[in-house]
C-alpha atoms as a PDB file:
ATOM      1  CA  MET A   1       1.920  -1.709  -2.663  1.00  0.00           C
ATOM      2  CA  ASN A   2       4.593  -1.739   0.153  1.00  0.00           C
ATOM      3  CA  GLU A   3       2.358  -1.894   3.163  1.00  0.00           C
ATOM      4  CA  LEU A   4       3.820  -1.219   6.577  1.00  0.00           C
ATOM      5  CA  SER A   5       2.612  -1.971  10.084  1.00  0.00           C
ATOM      6  CA  ILE A   6       2.903   1.245  12.176  1.00  0.00           C
ATOM      7  CA  ASN A   7       1.834   2.116  15.593  1.00  0.00           C
ATOM      8  CA  ILE A   8       0.269   5.536  16.353  1.00  0.00           C
ATOM      9  CA  HIS A   9      -0.091   6.560  19.987  1.00  0.00           C
ATOM     10  CA  ILE A  10      -3.034   8.733  20.951  1.00  0.00           C
ATOM     11  CA  ALA A  11      -4.325   9.665  24.396  1.00  0.00           C
ATOM     12  CA  GLY A  12      -2.371   6.940  26.122  1.00  0.00           C
ATOM     13  CA  ARG A  13      -3.351   4.162  23.647  1.00  0.00           C
ATOM     14  CA  VAL A  14      -1.481   2.571  20.800  1.00  0.00           C
ATOM     15  CA  TYR A  15      -3.339   2.185  17.434  1.00  0.00           C
ATOM     16  CA  PRO A  16      -1.651  -0.467  14.947  1.00  0.00           C
ATOM     17  CA  LEU A  17      -2.306   0.702  11.487  1.00  0.00           C
ATOM     18  CA  SER A  18      -1.372  -0.289   8.003  1.00  0.00           C
ATOM     19  CA  ALA A  19      -0.029   2.282   5.658  1.00  0.00           C
ATOM     20  CA  ASN A  20       1.600   2.468   2.324  1.00  0.00           C
ATOM     21  CA  ALA A  21       5.220   3.547   2.379  1.00  0.00           C
ATOM     22  CA  SER A  22       4.336   6.741   0.692  1.00  0.00           C
ATOM     23  CA  GLU A  23       1.599   7.402   3.266  1.00  0.00           C
ATOM     24  CA  GLU A  24       3.470   6.626   6.377  1.00  0.00           C
ATOM     25  CA  ILE A  25       4.903  10.059   7.020  1.00  0.00           C
ATOM     26  CA  HIS A  26       1.502  11.630   6.735  1.00  0.00           C
ATOM     27  CA  VAL A  27      -0.077   9.025   8.932  1.00  0.00           C
ATOM     28  CA  ARG A  28       2.542   9.596  11.594  1.00  0.00           C
ATOM     29  CA  ALA A  29       2.322  13.426  11.433  1.00  0.00           C
ATOM     30  CA  ALA A  30      -1.542  13.196  11.854  1.00  0.00           C
ATOM     31  CA  GLY A  31      -1.037  11.130  14.783  1.00  0.00           C
ATOM     32  CA  LYS A  32       1.487  13.606  16.281  1.00  0.00           C
ATOM     33  CA  LEU A  33      -0.892  16.629  15.514  1.00  0.00           C
ATOM     34  CA  ILE A  34      -3.722  14.915  17.224  1.00  0.00           C
ATOM     35  CA  GLN A  35      -1.571  14.139  20.300  1.00  0.00           C
ATOM     36  CA  ASP A  36      -0.033  17.504  20.277  1.00  0.00           C
ATOM     37  CA  LYS A  37      -3.546  19.183  20.215  1.00  0.00           C
ATOM     38  CA  LEU A  38      -4.832  16.910  23.113  1.00  0.00           C
ATOM     39  CA  GLN A  39      -1.863  17.882  25.136  1.00  0.00           C
ATOM     40  CA  ALA A  40      -2.445  21.566  24.356  1.00  0.00           C
ATOM     41  CA  TYR A  41      -6.043  21.419  25.221  1.00  0.00           C
ATOM     42  CA  SER A  42      -5.495  19.488  28.367  1.00  0.00           C
ATOM     43  CA  ALA A  43      -2.944  21.979  29.505  1.00  0.00           C
ATOM     44  CA  GLN A  44      -4.971  24.989  28.356  1.00  0.00           C
ATOM     45  CA  PHE A  45      -8.226  23.928  30.059  1.00  0.00           C
ATOM     46  CA  ASN A  46      -6.807  21.763  32.849  1.00  0.00           C
ATOM     47  CA  LEU A  47      -8.532  18.873  31.528  1.00  0.00           C
ATOM     48  CA  ARG A  48      -8.179  15.530  33.543  1.00  0.00           C
ATOM     49  CA  ASP A  49     -10.209  13.344  30.959  1.00  0.00           C
ATOM     50  CA  GLN A  50      -8.731  12.782  27.636  1.00  0.00           C
ATOM     51  CA  GLN A  51     -12.177  12.229  26.251  1.00  0.00           C
ATOM     52  CA  ASP A  52     -12.922  15.938  26.741  1.00  0.00           C
ATOM     53  CA  ALA A  53      -9.639  16.989  24.902  1.00  0.00           C
ATOM     54  CA  LEU A  54     -10.752  14.427  22.078  1.00  0.00           C
ATOM     55  CA  ALA A  55     -14.242  16.057  21.701  1.00  0.00           C
ATOM     56  CA  MET A  56     -12.862  19.491  21.515  1.00  0.00           C
ATOM     57  CA  PHE A  57     -10.363  18.419  18.975  1.00  0.00           C
ATOM     58  CA  ALA A  58     -12.970  16.811  16.850  1.00  0.00           C
ATOM     59  CA  LEU A  59     -15.106  19.811  17.068  1.00  0.00           C
ATOM     60  CA  GLU A  60     -12.200  21.996  15.895  1.00  0.00           C
ATOM     61  CA  ILE A  61     -11.434  19.504  13.010  1.00  0.00           C
ATOM     62  CA  ALA A  62     -15.101  19.259  11.948  1.00  0.00           C
ATOM     63  CA  ASN A  63     -15.442  22.989  11.895  1.00  0.00           C
ATOM     64  CA  GLU A  64     -12.269  23.386   9.873  1.00  0.00           C
ATOM     65  CA  ASN A  65     -13.622  20.701   7.391  1.00  0.00           C
ATOM     66  CA  MET A  66     -16.831  22.493   6.984  1.00  0.00           C
ATOM     67  CA  ALA A  67     -15.144  25.901   6.391  1.00  0.00           C
ATOM     68  CA  LEU A  68     -13.040  24.247   3.773  1.00  0.00           C
ATOM     69  CA  LYS A  69     -16.107  22.649   2.070  1.00  0.00           C
ATOM     70  CA  ARG A  70     -17.748  26.153   2.010  1.00  0.00           C
ATOM     71  CA  GLN A  71     -14.576  27.636   0.524  1.00  0.00           C
ATOM     72  CA  ILE A  72     -14.425  24.810  -2.053  1.00  0.00           C
ATOM     73  CA  GLU A  73     -18.267  25.543  -3.046  1.00  0.00           C
ATOM     74  CA  THR A  74     -17.352  29.155  -3.286  1.00  0.00           C
ATOM     75  CA  ASN A  75     -14.401  28.478  -5.562  1.00  0.00           C
ATOM     76  CA  VAL A  76     -16.362  26.053  -7.761  1.00  0.00           C
ATOM     77  CA  ALA A  77     -19.246  28.724  -8.070  1.00  0.00           C
ATOM     78  CA  GLU A  78     -16.729  31.514  -8.903  1.00  0.00           C
ATOM     79  CA  THR A  79     -14.983  29.181 -11.413  1.00  0.00           C
ATOM     80  CA  ASP A  80     -18.202  28.202 -13.103  1.00  0.00           C
ATOM     81  CA  ALA A  81     -19.238  31.919 -13.453  1.00  0.00           C
ATOM     82  CA  ALA A  82     -15.805  32.706 -14.874  1.00  0.00           C
ATOM     83  CA  PHE A  83     -16.033  29.899 -17.467  1.00  0.00           C
ATOM     84  CA  GLY A  84     -19.584  31.095 -18.206  1.00  0.00           C
ATOM     85  CA  GLN A  85     -18.265  34.586 -18.967  1.00  0.00           C
ATOM     86  CA  ILE A  86     -15.473  33.105 -21.260  1.00  0.00           C
ATOM     87  CA  GLU A  87     -17.922  30.900 -23.140  1.00  0.00           C
ATOM     88  CA  ASP A  88     -20.159  33.970 -23.702  1.00  0.00           C
ATOM     89  CA  LEU A  89     -17.185  35.951 -25.084  1.00  0.00           C
ATOM     90  CA  LEU A  90     -16.052  33.137 -27.248  1.00  0.00           C
ATOM     91  CA  LYS A  91     -19.636  32.943 -28.741  1.00  0.00           C
ATOM     92  CA  HIS A  92     -18.827  36.418 -30.328  1.00  0.00           C
ATOM     93  CA  VAL A  93     -15.466  35.385 -31.847  1.00  0.00           C
ATOM     94  CA  GLN A  94     -15.313  34.442 -35.561  1.00  0.00           C
ATOM     95  CA  LEU A  95     -12.774  32.232 -36.923  1.00  0.00           C
END
């Protein structure tokens, strides 16, 4: 694997990371997303402490994560139900 050393800037700090060449663009995009969100929260709510912006962004991400997990659970349940219906239909098919 081709590991790269990269620096991600978040909230006035530099975080040195290692990433595969194929992951580098995604890691950099994630760092930019975080920094952009922090700036947006700081401006919108007139925050002076980056810790507050970080906490607000962490809450946003956690909420989105939980919503995605609920959606996945719903999709899995719907898929299982559909497969169950297909299995029931196939039981009646004679070859």
